[in-house]
Amino acid sequence: MENDVYNYQLYVQNLQNILVQKQSLQLQLEEIKQTVEELSKYNKDIVYKSVGPILIEKKKDDVISELNDTKEELEIKLKSIEKQEEMIKKKIDELKDKLKSYSNNGI
């Protein structure tokens, strides 16, 4: 039983970590979507992109393409995180039921 309690706590911590990662990915995705949207409205072909501490000139279409590639990578990571979240929630529910059965049996 002690092992189940420990595992339950471990899974809850893992879930919290995954939720933080998920939120971070969602924020990055939203930022990219907004950036692509704004760039699409921009009338010039050259934009400035921040690379470390400097700004460099780049073609707007190249920047949009890079952002879309990054967006796809983040979406794949987000799907993976969501699968992990789902599996951990399932495991937490199983352990919760197991722990309840211990308390119902007077253990």
C-alpha atoms as a PDB file:
ATOM      1  CA  MET A   1       0.000   0.000   0.000  1.00  0.00           C
ATOM      2  CA  GLU A   2       2.816   2.430   0.850  1.00  0.00           C
ATOM      3  CA  ASN A   3       4.276   1.763  -2.562  1.00  0.00           C
ATOM      4  CA  ASP A   4       0.930   2.634  -4.184  1.00  0.00           C
ATOM      5  CA  VAL A   5       0.740   5.907  -2.237  1.00  0.00           C
ATOM      6  CA  TYR A   6       4.283   6.759  -3.304  1.00  0.00           C
ATOM      7  CA  ASN A   7       3.494   5.934  -6.950  1.00  0.00           C
ATOM      8  CA  TYR A   8       0.315   7.986  -6.783  1.00  0.00           C
ATOM      9  CA  GLN A   9       2.259  11.013  -5.535  1.00  0.00           C
ATOM     10  CA  LEU A  10       4.889  10.463  -8.210  1.00  0.00           C
ATOM     11  CA  TYR A  11       2.283  10.338 -10.975  1.00  0.00           C
ATOM     12  CA  VAL A  12       0.608  13.502  -9.670  1.00  0.00           C
ATOM     13  CA  GLN A  13       3.977  15.294  -9.776  1.00  0.00           C
ATOM     14  CA  ASN A  14       4.604  14.009 -13.280  1.00  0.00           C
ATOM     15  CA  LEU A  15       1.185  15.229 -14.353  1.00  0.00           C
ATOM     16  CA  GLN A  16       1.923  18.687 -12.970  1.00  0.00           C
ATOM     17  CA  ASN A  17       5.208  18.794 -14.893  1.00  0.00           C
ATOM     18  CA  ILE A  18       3.505  17.702 -18.090  1.00  0.00           C
ATOM     19  CA  LEU A  19       0.795  20.322 -17.680  1.00  0.00           C
ATOM     20  CA  VAL A  20       3.474  23.017 -17.338  1.00  0.00           C
ATOM     21  CA  GLN A  21       5.187  21.754 -20.497  1.00  0.00           C
ATOM     22  CA  LYS A  22       1.861  21.617 -22.316  1.00  0.00           C
ATOM     23  CA  GLN A  23       1.027  25.180 -21.344  1.00  0.00           C
ATOM     24  CA  SER A  24       4.447  26.357 -22.519  1.00  0.00           C
ATOM     25  CA  LEU A  25       3.996  24.658 -25.890  1.00  0.00           C
ATOM     26  CA  GLN A  26       0.514  26.119 -26.278  1.00  0.00           C
ATOM     27  CA  LEU A  27       1.839  29.613 -25.574  1.00  0.00           C
ATOM     28  CA  GLN A  28       4.653  29.181 -28.096  1.00  0.00           C
ATOM     29  CA  LEU A  29       2.181  27.939 -30.706  1.00  0.00           C
ATOM     30  CA  GLU A  30      -0.132  30.876 -30.129  1.00  0.00           C
ATOM     31  CA  GLU A  31       2.786  33.308 -30.424  1.00  0.00           C
ATOM     32  CA  ILE A  32       3.856  31.752 -33.719  1.00  0.00           C
ATOM     33  CA  LYS A  33       0.305  31.868 -35.092  1.00  0.00           C
ATOM     34  CA  GLN A  34       0.008  35.546 -34.210  1.00  0.00           C
ATOM     35  CA  THR A  35       3.418  36.312 -35.702  1.00  0.00           C
ATOM     36  CA  VAL A  36       2.572  34.560 -38.987  1.00  0.00           C
ATOM     37  CA  GLU A  37      -0.740  36.402 -39.095  1.00  0.00           C
ATOM     38  CA  GLU A  38       0.953  39.777 -38.587  1.00  0.00           C
ATOM     39  CA  LEU A  39       3.684  39.002 -41.111  1.00  0.00           C
ATOM     40  CA  SER A  40       1.041  38.055 -43.669  1.00  0.00           C
ATOM     41  CA  LYS A  41      -0.444  41.546 -43.323  1.00  0.00           C
ATOM     42  CA  TYR A  42       2.971  43.207 -43.719  1.00  0.00           C
ATOM     43  CA  ASN A  43       3.389  44.762 -47.175  1.00  0.00           C
ATOM     44  CA  LYS A  44       7.151  44.520 -47.580  1.00  0.00           C
ATOM     45  CA  ASP A  45       9.178  41.527 -48.734  1.00  0.00           C
ATOM     46  CA  ILE A  46      12.029  42.035 -46.257  1.00  0.00           C
ATOM     47  CA  VAL A  47      11.647  41.782 -42.494  1.00  0.00           C
ATOM     48  CA  TYR A  48      14.083  41.770 -39.603  1.00  0.00           C
ATOM     49  CA  LYS A  49      14.569  38.630 -37.595  1.00  0.00           C
ATOM     50  CA  SER A  50      16.196  38.493 -34.196  1.00  0.00           C
ATOM     51  CA  VAL A  51      19.142  36.103 -34.111  1.00  0.00           C
ATOM     52  CA  GLY A  52      20.716  36.210 -30.708  1.00  0.00           C
ATOM     53  CA  PRO A  53      21.640  39.793 -29.894  1.00  0.00           C
ATOM     54  CA  ILE A  54      21.365  41.073 -33.507  1.00  0.00           C
ATOM     55  CA  LEU A  55      18.704  41.680 -36.131  1.00  0.00           C
ATOM     56  CA  ILE A  56      19.193  40.359 -39.641  1.00  0.00           C
ATOM     57  CA  GLU A  57      17.285  41.034 -42.839  1.00  0.00           C
ATOM     58  CA  LYS A  58      15.362  38.081 -44.198  1.00  0.00           C
ATOM     59  CA  LYS A  59      12.739  37.508 -46.829  1.00  0.00           C
ATOM     60  CA  LYS A  60       9.303  37.591 -45.278  1.00  0.00           C
ATOM     61  CA  ASP A  61       8.329  34.324 -46.991  1.00  0.00           C
ATOM     62  CA  ASP A  62      11.418  32.576 -45.589  1.00  0.00           C
ATOM     63  CA  VAL A  63      10.572  33.731 -42.075  1.00  0.00           C
ATOM     64  CA  ILE A  64       6.965  32.576 -42.460  1.00  0.00           C
ATOM     65  CA  SER A  65       8.189  29.213 -43.737  1.00  0.00           C
ATOM     66  CA  GLU A  66      10.561  28.831 -40.769  1.00  0.00           C
ATOM     67  CA  LEU A  67       7.768  29.740 -38.373  1.00  0.00           C
ATOM     68  CA  ASN A  68       5.429  27.212 -39.970  1.00  0.00           C
ATOM     69  CA  ASP A  69       8.106  24.507 -39.653  1.00  0.00           C
ATOM     70  CA  THR A  70       8.562  25.374 -35.990  1.00  0.00           C
ATOM     71  CA  LYS A  71       4.787  25.351 -35.541  1.00  0.00           C
ATOM     72  CA  GLU A  72       4.574  21.829 -36.975  1.00  0.00           C
ATOM     73  CA  GLU A  73       7.335  20.622 -34.644  1.00  0.00           C
ATOM     74  CA  LEU A  74       5.579  22.153 -31.646  1.00  0.00           C
ATOM     75  CA  GLU A  75       2.264  20.581 -32.644  1.00  0.00           C
ATOM     76  CA  ILE A  76       3.941  17.153 -32.776  1.00  0.00           C
ATOM     77  CA  LYS A  77       5.472  17.735 -29.343  1.00  0.00           C
ATOM     78  CA  LEU A  78       2.102  18.898 -28.019  1.00  0.00           C
ATOM     79  CA  LYS A  79       0.393  15.731 -29.278  1.00  0.00           C
ATOM     80  CA  SER A  80       3.053  13.644 -27.571  1.00  0.00           C
ATOM     81  CA  ILE A  81       2.622  15.573 -24.314  1.00  0.00           C
ATOM     82  CA  GLU A  82      -1.149  15.142 -24.527  1.00  0.00           C
ATOM     83  CA  LYS A  83      -0.733  11.377 -24.938  1.00  0.00           C
ATOM     84  CA  GLN A  84       1.543  11.293 -21.901  1.00  0.00           C
ATOM     85  CA  GLU A  85      -0.978  13.377 -19.973  1.00  0.00           C
ATOM     86  CA  GLU A  86      -3.749  10.958 -20.888  1.00  0.00           C
ATOM     87  CA  MET A  87      -1.719   7.903 -19.823  1.00  0.00           C
ATOM     88  CA  ILE A  88      -0.716   9.480 -16.519  1.00  0.00           C
ATOM     89  CA  LYS A  89      -4.290  10.521 -15.749  1.00  0.00           C
ATOM     90  CA  LYS A  90      -5.396   6.957 -16.424  1.00  0.00           C
ATOM     91  CA  LYS A  91      -2.698   5.600 -14.111  1.00  0.00           C
ATOM     92  CA  ILE A  92      -3.646   8.129 -11.409  1.00  0.00           C
ATOM     93  CA  ASP A  93      -7.282   7.054 -11.638  1.00  0.00           C
ATOM     94  CA  GLU A  94      -6.295   3.379 -11.345  1.00  0.00           C
ATOM     95  CA  LEU A  95      -4.155   4.067  -8.280  1.00  0.00           C
ATOM     96  CA  LYS A  96      -6.863   6.246  -6.758  1.00  0.00           C
ATOM     97  CA  ASP A  97      -9.357   3.395  -7.112  1.00  0.00           C
ATOM     98  CA  LYS A  98      -6.839   0.954  -5.645  1.00  0.00           C
ATOM     99  CA  LEU A  99      -6.196   3.247  -2.665  1.00  0.00           C
ATOM    100  CA  LYS A 100      -9.944   3.661  -2.106  1.00  0.00           C
ATOM    101  CA  SER A 101     -10.369  -0.091  -2.063  1.00  0.00           C
ATOM    102  CA  TYR A 102      -7.694  -0.294   0.655  1.00  0.00           C
ATOM    103  CA  SER A 103      -9.568   2.219   2.800  1.00  0.00           C
ATOM    104  CA  ASN A 104     -12.885   0.455   2.146  1.00  0.00           C
ATOM    105  CA  ASN A 105     -11.344  -2.846   3.275  1.00  0.00           C
ATOM    106  CA  GLY A 106      -9.974  -1.270   6.446  1.00  0.00           C
ATOM    107  CA  ILE A 107      -6.338  -1.519   5.480  1.00  0.00           C
END
